[in-house]
């Protein structure tokens, strides 16, 4: 997945399993494991997670996705 595609994906408010699969570059089972880990961390920290999706900001923070670097890569390619 390119830097531009990644930025477009993480600009969403909520992260679905298919989004998580794309970000991690893995299959459904691994994405479900990671989702459970992230959801457990958030709940432990006092957050309420409605539905099946995760807040994208939490996913970006936990996966340590460097948004500035992605933007620099896009700017270099233009």
PDB file of N, CA and C in Angstrom:
ATOM      1  N   UNK A   1       0.856  -1.168   0.000  1.00  0.00           N
ATOM      2  CA  UNK A   1       0.000   0.000   0.000  1.00  0.00           C
ATOM      3  C   UNK A   1       0.905   1.235   0.000  1.00  0.00           C
ATOM      4  N   UNK A   2       0.538   2.205  -0.804  1.00  0.00           N
ATOM      5  CA  UNK A   2       1.357   3.408  -0.921  1.00  0.00           C
ATOM      6  C   UNK A   2       1.102   4.351   0.257  1.00  0.00           C
ATOM      7  N   UNK A   3       1.967   5.343   0.377  1.00  0.00           N
ATOM      8  CA  UNK A   3       1.829   6.330   1.448  1.00  0.00           C
ATOM      9  C   UNK A   3       0.524   7.100   1.301  1.00  0.00           C
ATOM     10  N   UNK A   4       0.162   7.420   0.080  1.00  0.00           N
ATOM     11  CA  UNK A   4      -1.079   8.159  -0.157  1.00  0.00           C
ATOM     12  C   UNK A   4      -2.301   7.321   0.225  1.00  0.00           C
ATOM     13  N   UNK A   5      -2.274   6.043  -0.120  1.00  0.00           N
ATOM     14  CA  UNK A   5      -3.378   5.152   0.251  1.00  0.00           C
ATOM     15  C   UNK A   5      -3.471   5.008   1.768  1.00  0.00           C
ATOM     16  N   UNK A   6      -2.325   4.934   2.417  1.00  0.00           N
ATOM     17  CA  UNK A   6      -2.305   4.812   3.874  1.00  0.00           C
ATOM     18  C   UNK A   6      -2.902   6.055   4.524  1.00  0.00           C
ATOM     19  N   UNK A   7      -2.502   7.223   4.054  1.00  0.00           N
ATOM     20  CA  UNK A   7      -3.051   8.470   4.602  1.00  0.00           C
ATOM     21  C   UNK A   7      -4.558   8.558   4.378  1.00  0.00           C
ATOM     22  N   UNK A   8      -5.003   8.148   3.196  1.00  0.00           N
ATOM     23  CA  UNK A   8      -6.432   8.174   2.905  1.00  0.00           C
ATOM     24  C   UNK A   8      -7.178   7.237   3.848  1.00  0.00           C
ATOM     25  N   UNK A   9      -6.582   6.085   4.112  1.00  0.00           N
ATOM     26  CA  UNK A   9      -7.207   5.095   4.987  1.00  0.00           C
ATOM     27  C   UNK A   9      -7.270   5.576   6.436  1.00  0.00           C
ATOM     28  N   UNK A  10      -6.189   6.174   6.930  1.00  0.00           N
ATOM     29  CA  UNK A  10      -6.182   6.599   8.334  1.00  0.00           C
ATOM     30  C   UNK A  10      -6.910   7.921   8.555  1.00  0.00           C
ATOM     31  N   UNK A  11      -7.387   8.536   7.487  1.00  0.00           N
ATOM     32  CA  UNK A  11      -8.165   9.763   7.645  1.00  0.00           C
ATOM     33  C   UNK A  11      -9.600   9.476   8.076  1.00  0.00           C
ATOM     34  N   UNK A  12      -9.992   8.202   8.059  1.00  0.00           N
ATOM     35  CA  UNK A  12     -11.332   7.829   8.518  1.00  0.00           C
ATOM     36  C   UNK A  12     -11.423   7.984  10.035  1.00  0.00           C
ATOM     37  N   UNK A  13     -12.639   8.116  10.538  1.00  0.00           N
ATOM     38  CA  UNK A  13     -12.826   8.228  11.982  1.00  0.00           C
ATOM     39  C   UNK A  13     -12.757   6.866  12.661  1.00  0.00           C
ATOM     40  N   UNK A  14     -13.276   5.845  12.000  1.00  0.00           N
ATOM     41  CA  UNK A  14     -13.339   4.504  12.578  1.00  0.00           C
ATOM     42  C   UNK A  14     -12.561   3.519  11.728  1.00  0.00           C
ATOM     43  N   UNK A  15     -11.965   2.531  12.372  1.00  0.00           N
ATOM     44  CA  UNK A  15     -11.153   1.520  11.709  1.00  0.00           C
ATOM     45  C   UNK A  15     -11.889   0.178  11.756  1.00  0.00           C
ATOM     46  N   UNK A  16     -12.199  -0.360  10.596  1.00  0.00           N
ATOM     47  CA  UNK A  16     -12.862  -1.657  10.512  1.00  0.00           C
ATOM     48  C   UNK A  16     -11.805  -2.767  10.413  1.00  0.00           C
ATOM     49  N   UNK A  17     -12.267  -3.991  10.440  1.00  0.00           N
ATOM     50  CA  UNK A  17     -11.343  -5.121  10.303  1.00  0.00           C
ATOM     51  C   UNK A  17     -10.637  -5.067   8.952  1.00  0.00           C
ATOM     52  N   UNK A  18     -11.358  -4.753   7.886  1.00  0.00           N
ATOM     53  CA  UNK A  18     -10.713  -4.691   6.568  1.00  0.00           C
ATOM     54  C   UNK A  18      -9.672  -3.573   6.514  1.00  0.00           C
ATOM     55  N   UNK A  19      -9.946  -2.446   7.173  1.00  0.00           N
ATOM     56  CA  UNK A  19      -8.954  -1.368   7.249  1.00  0.00           C
ATOM     57  C   UNK A  19      -7.714  -1.830   8.014  1.00  0.00           C
ATOM     58  N   UNK A  20      -7.942  -2.517   9.107  1.00  0.00           N
ATOM     59  CA  UNK A  20      -6.832  -3.014   9.921  1.00  0.00           C
ATOM     60  C   UNK A  20      -6.003  -4.036   9.145  1.00  0.00           C
ATOM     61  N   UNK A  21      -6.671  -4.873   8.371  1.00  0.00           N
ATOM     62  CA  UNK A  21      -5.968  -5.849   7.540  1.00  0.00           C
ATOM     63  C   UNK A  21      -5.060  -5.146   6.536  1.00  0.00           C
ATOM     64  N   UNK A  22      -5.557  -4.064   5.935  1.00  0.00           N
ATOM     65  CA  UNK A  22      -4.756  -3.304   4.972  1.00  0.00           C
ATOM     66  C   UNK A  22      -3.569  -2.633   5.648  1.00  0.00           C
ATOM     67  N   UNK A  23      -3.801  -2.018   6.818  1.00  0.00           N
ATOM     68  CA  UNK A  23      -2.724  -1.325   7.519  1.00  0.00           C
ATOM     69  C   UNK A  23      -1.629  -2.286   7.970  1.00  0.00           C
ATOM     70  N   UNK A  24      -2.046  -3.462   8.442  1.00  0.00           N
ATOM     71  CA  UNK A  24      -1.081  -4.434   8.944  1.00  0.00           C
ATOM     72  C   UNK A  24      -0.494  -5.309   7.844  1.00  0.00           C
ATOM     73  N   UNK A  25      -1.183  -5.397   6.728  1.00  0.00           N
ATOM     74  CA  UNK A  25      -0.738  -6.282   5.652  1.00  0.00           C
ATOM     75  C   UNK A  25      -0.847  -7.736   6.070  1.00  0.00           C
ATOM     76  N   UNK A  26      -1.959  -8.062   6.727  1.00  0.00           N
ATOM     77  CA  UNK A  26      -2.125  -9.423   7.238  1.00  0.00           C
ATOM     78  C   UNK A  26      -3.523  -9.933   6.916  1.00  0.00           C
ATOM     79  N   UNK A  27      -3.782 -11.154   7.340  1.00  0.00           N
ATOM     80  CA  UNK A  27      -5.081 -11.767   7.124  1.00  0.00           C
ATOM     81  C   UNK A  27      -6.073 -11.410   8.215  1.00  0.00           C
ATOM     82  N   UNK A  28      -7.270 -11.954   8.061  1.00  0.00           N
ATOM     83  CA  UNK A  28      -8.377 -11.635   8.964  1.00  0.00           C
ATOM     84  C   UNK A  28      -8.109 -12.099  10.394  1.00  0.00           C
ATOM     85  N   UNK A  29      -7.578 -13.306  10.563  1.00  0.00           N
ATOM     86  CA  UNK A  29      -7.361 -13.834  11.915  1.00  0.00           C
ATOM     87  C   UNK A  29      -6.367 -12.985  12.712  1.00  0.00           C
ATOM     88  N   UNK A  30      -5.282 -12.603  12.093  1.00  0.00           N
ATOM     89  CA  UNK A  30      -4.289 -11.765  12.774  1.00  0.00           C
ATOM     90  C   UNK A  30      -4.875 -10.383  13.075  1.00  0.00           C
ATOM     91  N   UNK A  31      -5.631  -9.842  12.127  1.00  0.00           N
ATOM     92  CA  UNK A  31      -6.258  -8.530  12.346  1.00  0.00           C
ATOM     93  C   UNK A  31      -7.247  -8.595  13.507  1.00  0.00           C
ATOM     94  N   UNK A  32      -7.966  -9.697  13.638  1.00  0.00           N
ATOM     95  CA  UNK A  32      -8.896  -9.855  14.761  1.00  0.00           C
ATOM     96  C   UNK A  32      -8.159  -9.914  16.092  1.00  0.00           C
ATOM     97  N   UNK A  33      -6.991 -10.572  16.113  1.00  0.00           N
ATOM     98  CA  UNK A  33      -6.172 -10.621  17.332  1.00  0.00           C
ATOM     99  C   UNK A  33      -5.706  -9.218  17.724  1.00  0.00           C
ATOM    100  N   UNK A  34      -5.209  -8.484  16.749  1.00  0.00           N
ATOM    101  CA  UNK A  34      -4.710  -7.131  17.010  1.00  0.00           C
ATOM    102  C   UNK A  34      -5.858  -6.228  17.451  1.00  0.00           C
ATOM    103  N   UNK A  35      -7.009  -6.363  16.806  1.00  0.00           N
ATOM    104  CA  UNK A  35      -8.182  -5.574  17.182  1.00  0.00           C
ATOM    105  C   UNK A  35      -8.560  -5.830  18.629  1.00  0.00           C
ATOM    106  N   UNK A  36      -8.557  -7.092  19.024  1.00  0.00           N
ATOM    107  CA  UNK A  36      -8.898  -7.445  20.403  1.00  0.00           C
ATOM    108  C   UNK A  36      -7.903  -6.829  21.374  1.00  0.00           C
ATOM    109  N   UNK A  37      -6.612  -6.890  21.040  1.00  0.00           N
ATOM    110  CA  UNK A  37      -5.581  -6.295  21.900  1.00  0.00           C
ATOM    111  C   UNK A  37      -5.788  -4.783  22.043  1.00  0.00           C
ATOM    112  N   UNK A  38      -6.047  -4.112  20.930  1.00  0.00           N
ATOM    113  CA  UNK A  38      -6.247  -2.660  20.966  1.00  0.00           C
ATOM    114  C   UNK A  38      -7.500  -2.329  21.763  1.00  0.00           C
ATOM    115  N   UNK A  39      -8.573  -3.061  21.503  1.00  0.00           N
ATOM    116  CA  UNK A  39      -9.830  -2.805  22.212  1.00  0.00           C
ATOM    117  C   UNK A  39      -9.666  -3.029  23.713  1.00  0.00           C
ATOM    118  N   UNK A  40      -8.953  -4.099  24.092  1.00  0.00           N
ATOM    119  CA  UNK A  40      -8.713  -4.367  25.509  1.00  0.00           C
ATOM    120  C   UNK A  40      -7.919  -3.239  26.167  1.00  0.00           C
ATOM    121  N   UNK A  41      -6.893  -2.719  25.459  1.00  0.00           N
ATOM    122  CA  UNK A  41      -6.096  -1.607  26.000  1.00  0.00           C
ATOM    123  C   UNK A  41      -6.958  -0.370  26.209  1.00  0.00           C
ATOM    124  N   UNK A  42      -7.812  -0.084  25.238  1.00  0.00           N
ATOM    125  CA  UNK A  42      -8.666   1.096  25.344  1.00  0.00           C
ATOM    126  C   UNK A  42      -9.662   0.960  26.488  1.00  0.00           C
ATOM    127  N   UNK A  43     -10.274  -0.202  26.602  1.00  0.00           N
ATOM    128  CA  UNK A  43     -11.241  -0.432  27.680  1.00  0.00           C
ATOM    129  C   UNK A  43     -10.549  -0.345  29.035  1.00  0.00           C
ATOM    130  N   UNK A  44      -9.334  -0.885  29.121  1.00  0.00           N
ATOM    131  CA  UNK A  44      -8.563  -0.829  30.362  1.00  0.00           C
ATOM    132  C   UNK A  44      -8.273   0.617  30.759  1.00  0.00           C
ATOM    133  N   UNK A  45      -8.109   1.481  29.755  1.00  0.00           N
ATOM    134  CA  UNK A  45      -7.840   2.903  30.010  1.00  0.00           C
ATOM    135  C   UNK A  45      -9.111   3.718  30.194  1.00  0.00           C
ATOM    136  N   UNK A  46     -10.259   3.055  30.263  1.00  0.00           N
ATOM    137  CA  UNK A  46     -11.497   3.744  30.573  1.00  0.00           C
ATOM    138  C   UNK A  46     -12.338   4.182  29.391  1.00  0.00           C
ATOM    139  N   UNK A  47     -11.984   3.762  28.200  1.00  0.00           N
ATOM    140  CA  UNK A  47     -12.759   4.140  27.028  1.00  0.00           C
ATOM    141  C   UNK A  47     -13.889   3.142  26.793  1.00  0.00           C
ATOM    142  N   UNK A  48     -14.978   3.624  26.246  1.00  0.00           N
ATOM    143  CA  UNK A  48     -16.088   2.776  25.821  1.00  0.00           C
ATOM    144  C   UNK A  48     -16.024   2.681  24.304  1.00  0.00           C
ATOM    145  N   UNK A  49     -16.014   1.475  23.788  1.00  0.00           N
ATOM    146  CA  UNK A  49     -15.912   1.267  22.348  1.00  0.00           C
ATOM    147  C   UNK A  49     -17.244   0.732  21.837  1.00  0.00           C
ATOM    148  N   UNK A  50     -18.026   1.569  21.168  1.00  0.00           N
ATOM    149  CA  UNK A  50     -19.307   1.100  20.639  1.00  0.00           C
ATOM    150  C   UNK A  50     -19.119   0.327  19.329  1.00  0.00           C
ATOM    151  N   UNK A  51     -19.908  -0.685  19.119  1.00  0.00           N
ATOM    152  CA  UNK A  51     -19.869  -1.415  17.849  1.00  0.00           C
ATOM    153  C   UNK A  51     -18.609  -2.230  17.661  1.00  0.00           C
ATOM    154  N   UNK A  52     -18.358  -2.562  16.408  1.00  0.00           N
ATOM    155  CA  UNK A  52     -17.231  -3.438  16.073  1.00  0.00           C
ATOM    156  C   UNK A  52     -15.987  -2.705  15.609  1.00  0.00           C
ATOM    157  N   UNK A  53     -16.085  -1.401  15.402  1.00  0.00           N
ATOM    158  CA  UNK A  53     -14.952  -0.649  14.891  1.00  0.00           C
ATOM    159  C   UNK A  53     -14.159   0.007  16.016  1.00  0.00           C
ATOM    160  N   UNK A  54     -12.915   0.323  15.709  1.00  0.00           N
ATOM    161  CA  UNK A  54     -12.029   0.992  16.660  1.00  0.00           C
ATOM    162  C   UNK A  54     -11.818   2.437  16.228  1.00  0.00           C
ATOM    163  N   UNK A  55     -11.569   3.332  17.167  1.00  0.00           N
ATOM    164  CA  UNK A  55     -11.227   4.706  16.768  1.00  0.00           C
ATOM    165  C   UNK A  55      -9.900   4.696  16.005  1.00  0.00           C
ATOM    166  N   UNK A  56      -9.895   5.311  14.832  1.00  0.00           N
ATOM    167  CA  UNK A  56      -8.698   5.279  13.986  1.00  0.00           C
ATOM    168  C   UNK A  56      -7.512   5.939  14.679  1.00  0.00           C
ATOM    169  N   UNK A  57      -7.756   6.998  15.456  1.00  0.00           N
ATOM    170  CA  UNK A  57      -6.649   7.672  16.138  1.00  0.00           C
ATOM    171  C   UNK A  57      -5.942   6.719  17.098  1.00  0.00           C
ATOM    172  N   UNK A  58      -6.700   5.885  17.785  1.00  0.00           N
ATOM    173  CA  UNK A  58      -6.104   4.907  18.701  1.00  0.00           C
ATOM    174  C   UNK A  58      -5.276   3.886  17.919  1.00  0.00           C
ATOM    175  N   UNK A  59      -5.778   3.467  16.777  1.00  0.00           N
ATOM    176  CA  UNK A  59      -5.047   2.507  15.945  1.00  0.00           C
ATOM    177  C   UNK A  59      -3.740   3.128  15.466  1.00  0.00           C
ATOM    178  N   UNK A  60      -3.796   4.371  15.010  1.00  0.00           N
ATOM    179  CA  UNK A  60      -2.592   5.068  14.540  1.00  0.00           C
ATOM    180  C   UNK A  60      -1.583   5.200  15.676  1.00  0.00           C
ATOM    181  N   UNK A  61      -2.063   5.562  16.863  1.00  0.00           N
ATOM    182  CA  UNK A  61      -1.172   5.720  18.009  1.00  0.00           C
ATOM    183  C   UNK A  61      -0.537   4.396  18.421  1.00  0.00           C
ATOM    184  N   UNK A  62      -1.329   3.353  18.519  1.00  0.00           N
ATOM    185  CA  UNK A  62      -0.819   2.064  18.988  1.00  0.00           C
ATOM    186  C   UNK A  62       0.106   1.422  17.957  1.00  0.00           C
ATOM    187  N   UNK A  63      -0.220   1.562  16.672  1.00  0.00           N
ATOM    188  CA  UNK A  63       0.642   1.004  15.623  1.00  0.00           C
ATOM    189  C   UNK A  63       1.828   1.905  15.314  1.00  0.00           C
ATOM    190  N   UNK A  64       1.843   3.097  15.927  1.00  0.00           N
ATOM    191  CA  UNK A  64       2.931   4.071  15.741  1.00  0.00           C
ATOM    192  C   UNK A  64       3.145   4.423  14.263  1.00  0.00           C
ATOM    193  N   UNK A  65       2.041   4.765  13.611  1.00  0.00           N
ATOM    194  CA  UNK A  65       2.108   5.184  12.212  1.00  0.00           C
ATOM    195  C   UNK A  65       2.556   6.637  12.177  1.00  0.00           C
ATOM    196  N   UNK A  66       3.637   6.911  11.465  1.00  0.00           N
ATOM    197  CA  UNK A  66       4.229   8.242  11.395  1.00  0.00           C
ATOM    198  C   UNK A  66       3.587   9.032  10.248  1.00  0.00           C
ATOM    199  N   UNK A  67       2.631   9.863  10.590  1.00  0.00           N
ATOM    200  CA  UNK A  67       1.887  10.624   9.588  1.00  0.00           C
ATOM    201  C   UNK A  67       2.794  11.634   8.889  1.00  0.00           C
ATOM    202  N   UNK A  68       3.681  12.274   9.636  1.00  0.00           N
ATOM    203  CA  UNK A  68       4.592  13.259   9.038  1.00  0.00           C
ATOM    204  C   UNK A  68       5.480  12.611   7.974  1.00  0.00           C
ATOM    205  N   UNK A  69       5.956  11.420   8.254  1.00  0.00           N
ATOM    206  CA  UNK A  69       6.811  10.721   7.292  1.00  0.00           C
ATOM    207  C   UNK A  69       6.018  10.365   6.038  1.00  0.00           C
ATOM    208  N   UNK A  70       4.786   9.916   6.210  1.00  0.00           N
ATOM    209  CA  UNK A  70       3.950   9.596   5.061  1.00  0.00           C
ATOM    210  C   UNK A  70       3.737  10.840   4.196  1.00  0.00           C
ATOM    211  N   UNK A  71       3.496  11.980   4.830  1.00  0.00           N
ATOM    212  CA  UNK A  71       3.306  13.217   4.080  1.00  0.00           C
ATOM    213  C   UNK A  71       4.579  13.640   3.347  1.00  0.00           C
ATOM    214  N   UNK A  72       5.734  13.440   3.978  1.00  0.00           N
ATOM    215  CA  UNK A  72       7.005  13.765   3.312  1.00  0.00           C
ATOM    216  C   UNK A  72       7.218  12.866   2.099  1.00  0.00           C
ATOM    217  N   UNK A  73       6.886  11.599   2.227  1.00  0.00           N
ATOM    218  CA  UNK A  73       7.044  10.675   1.102  1.00  0.00           C
ATOM    219  C   UNK A  73       6.165  11.102  -0.065  1.00  0.00           C
ATOM    220  N   UNK A  74       4.938  11.499   0.238  1.00  0.00           N
ATOM    221  CA  UNK A  74       4.029  11.956  -0.826  1.00  0.00           C
ATOM    222  C   UNK A  74       4.564  13.213  -1.487  1.00  0.00           C
ATOM    223  N   UNK A  75       5.062  14.141  -0.685  1.00  0.00           N
ATOM    224  CA  UNK A  75       5.598  15.392  -1.245  1.00  0.00           C
ATOM    225  C   UNK A  75       6.836  15.148  -2.086  1.00  0.00           C
ATOM    226  N   UNK A  76       7.668  14.186  -1.715  1.00  0.00           N
ATOM    227  CA  UNK A  76       8.866  13.881  -2.501  1.00  0.00           C
ATOM    228  C   UNK A  76       8.519  13.270  -3.854  1.00  0.00           C
ATOM    229  N   UNK A  77       7.446  12.506  -3.876  1.00  0.00           N
ATOM    230  CA  UNK A  77       7.074  11.837  -5.124  1.00  0.00           C
ATOM    231  C   UNK A  77       6.384  12.764  -6.104  1.00  0.00           C
ATOM    232  N   UNK A  78       6.000  13.973  -5.660  1.00  0.00           N
ATOM    233  CA  UNK A  78       5.327  14.923  -6.566  1.00  0.00           C
ATOM    234  C   UNK A  78       6.292  15.863  -7.213  1.00  0.00           C
TER     235      UNK A  78
END
